[in-house]
């Protein structure tokens, strides 16, 4: 038996700041976020405008690309403003 029975050996240990056992730090690249949001918004609208039964509609396609561009830029700027950290609350 150990002298420190009843004492949890892991209770007073803090997780390391680096390495595989460190808690993850979620940082997002603003450019990648902006491109992803652009694609998520523009592609469905583009497909709807291109595959309409009555033929493709250039207006819908342009609106989809413009909306995706605006929302992608806003998302990228927002992530850049927050330093890549989207969630500043406690990490689970």
Protein backbone atom coordinates (compact mmCIF):
# COMPACT_ATOMS: atom_id res chain seq x y z
CA UNK A 1 0.00 0.00 0.00
CA UNK A 2 1.05 3.56 -0.54
CA UNK A 3 1.52 6.16 2.15
CA UNK A 4 -0.83 8.53 0.38
CA UNK A 5 -3.93 6.32 0.34
CA UNK A 6 -7.08 8.23 -0.39
CA UNK A 7 -5.11 10.86 -2.30
CA UNK A 8 -5.88 10.85 -5.99
CA UNK A 9 -2.57 10.99 -7.84
CA UNK A 10 -4.13 12.79 -10.83
CA UNK A 11 -6.15 15.45 -9.00
CA UNK A 12 -3.41 18.06 -8.66
CA UNK A 13 -1.83 17.63 -12.07
CA UNK A 14 -2.42 20.29 -14.68
CA UNK A 15 -2.49 19.29 -18.34
CA UNK A 16 0.68 20.11 -20.28
CA UNK A 17 0.68 23.25 -22.40
CA UNK A 18 2.13 21.48 -25.45
CA UNK A 19 2.25 18.00 -26.87
CA UNK A 20 -0.28 15.25 -27.57
CA UNK A 21 -1.79 15.39 -24.07
CA UNK A 22 -2.38 19.15 -24.20
CA UNK A 23 -5.93 20.40 -24.62
CA UNK A 24 -6.67 21.27 -28.25
CA UNK A 25 -6.60 24.87 -29.35
CA UNK A 26 -9.07 25.41 -32.15
CA UNK A 27 -7.75 28.06 -34.50
CA UNK A 28 -9.28 28.57 -37.91
CA UNK A 29 -7.60 30.06 -40.95
CA UNK A 30 -9.62 33.10 -42.12
CA UNK A 31 -8.95 32.43 -45.82
CA UNK A 32 -10.02 28.80 -45.59
CA UNK A 33 -13.12 29.80 -43.61
CA UNK A 34 -14.05 32.44 -46.19
CA UNK A 35 -13.58 30.00 -49.07
CA UNK A 36 -15.63 27.35 -47.31
CA UNK A 37 -18.49 29.74 -46.59
CA UNK A 38 -18.34 31.05 -50.17
CA UNK A 39 -18.63 27.52 -51.54
CA UNK A 40 -21.39 26.59 -49.09
CA UNK A 41 -23.50 29.56 -50.16
CA UNK A 42 -22.63 29.94 -53.85
CA UNK A 43 -22.67 26.33 -55.07
CA UNK A 44 -26.31 25.47 -54.22
CA UNK A 45 -27.61 28.75 -55.68
CA UNK A 46 -25.42 28.29 -58.76
CA UNK A 47 -26.71 24.74 -59.27
CA UNK A 48 -30.33 25.89 -58.94
CA UNK A 49 -29.75 28.68 -61.47
CA UNK A 50 -27.92 26.39 -63.88
CA UNK A 51 -30.20 23.33 -63.79
CA UNK A 52 -33.62 24.97 -63.96
CA UNK A 53 -36.11 23.08 -66.13
CA UNK A 54 -36.73 26.21 -68.21
CA UNK A 55 -33.00 26.68 -68.87
CA UNK A 56 -30.19 28.30 -67.04
CA UNK A 57 -30.74 31.73 -65.58
CA UNK A 58 -27.70 34.01 -65.49
CA UNK A 59 -29.33 36.32 -62.95
CA UNK A 60 -29.69 33.54 -60.36
CA UNK A 61 -26.11 32.39 -61.02
CA UNK A 62 -24.71 35.91 -60.56
CA UNK A 63 -26.78 36.44 -57.40
CA UNK A 64 -25.47 33.16 -55.98
CA UNK A 65 -21.85 34.03 -56.69
CA UNK A 66 -22.25 37.58 -55.35
CA UNK A 67 -24.03 36.39 -52.19
CA UNK A 68 -21.38 33.73 -51.61
CA UNK A 69 -18.61 36.26 -52.11
CA UNK A 70 -20.12 38.78 -49.68
CA UNK A 71 -20.88 36.20 -46.98
CA UNK A 72 -17.47 34.53 -47.44
CA UNK A 73 -15.64 37.84 -47.04
CA UNK A 74 -17.68 38.69 -43.94
CA UNK A 75 -16.98 35.27 -42.40
CA UNK A 76 -13.25 35.48 -43.19
CA UNK A 77 -12.99 38.98 -41.73
CA UNK A 78 -14.89 37.90 -38.62
CA UNK A 79 -12.56 34.95 -38.02
CA UNK A 80 -9.51 37.15 -38.67
CA UNK A 81 -10.81 39.76 -36.22
CA UNK A 82 -11.15 37.08 -33.53
CA UNK A 83 -7.63 35.79 -34.17
CA UNK A 84 -8.84 32.45 -35.54
CA UNK A 85 -10.65 31.59 -32.34
CA UNK A 86 -14.35 31.14 -33.02
CA UNK A 87 -15.35 29.98 -29.53
CA UNK A 88 -13.85 31.86 -26.59
CA UNK A 89 -15.76 30.03 -23.89
CA UNK A 90 -14.61 27.08 -21.83
CA UNK A 91 -13.33 24.09 -23.77
CA UNK A 92 -14.80 20.71 -23.00
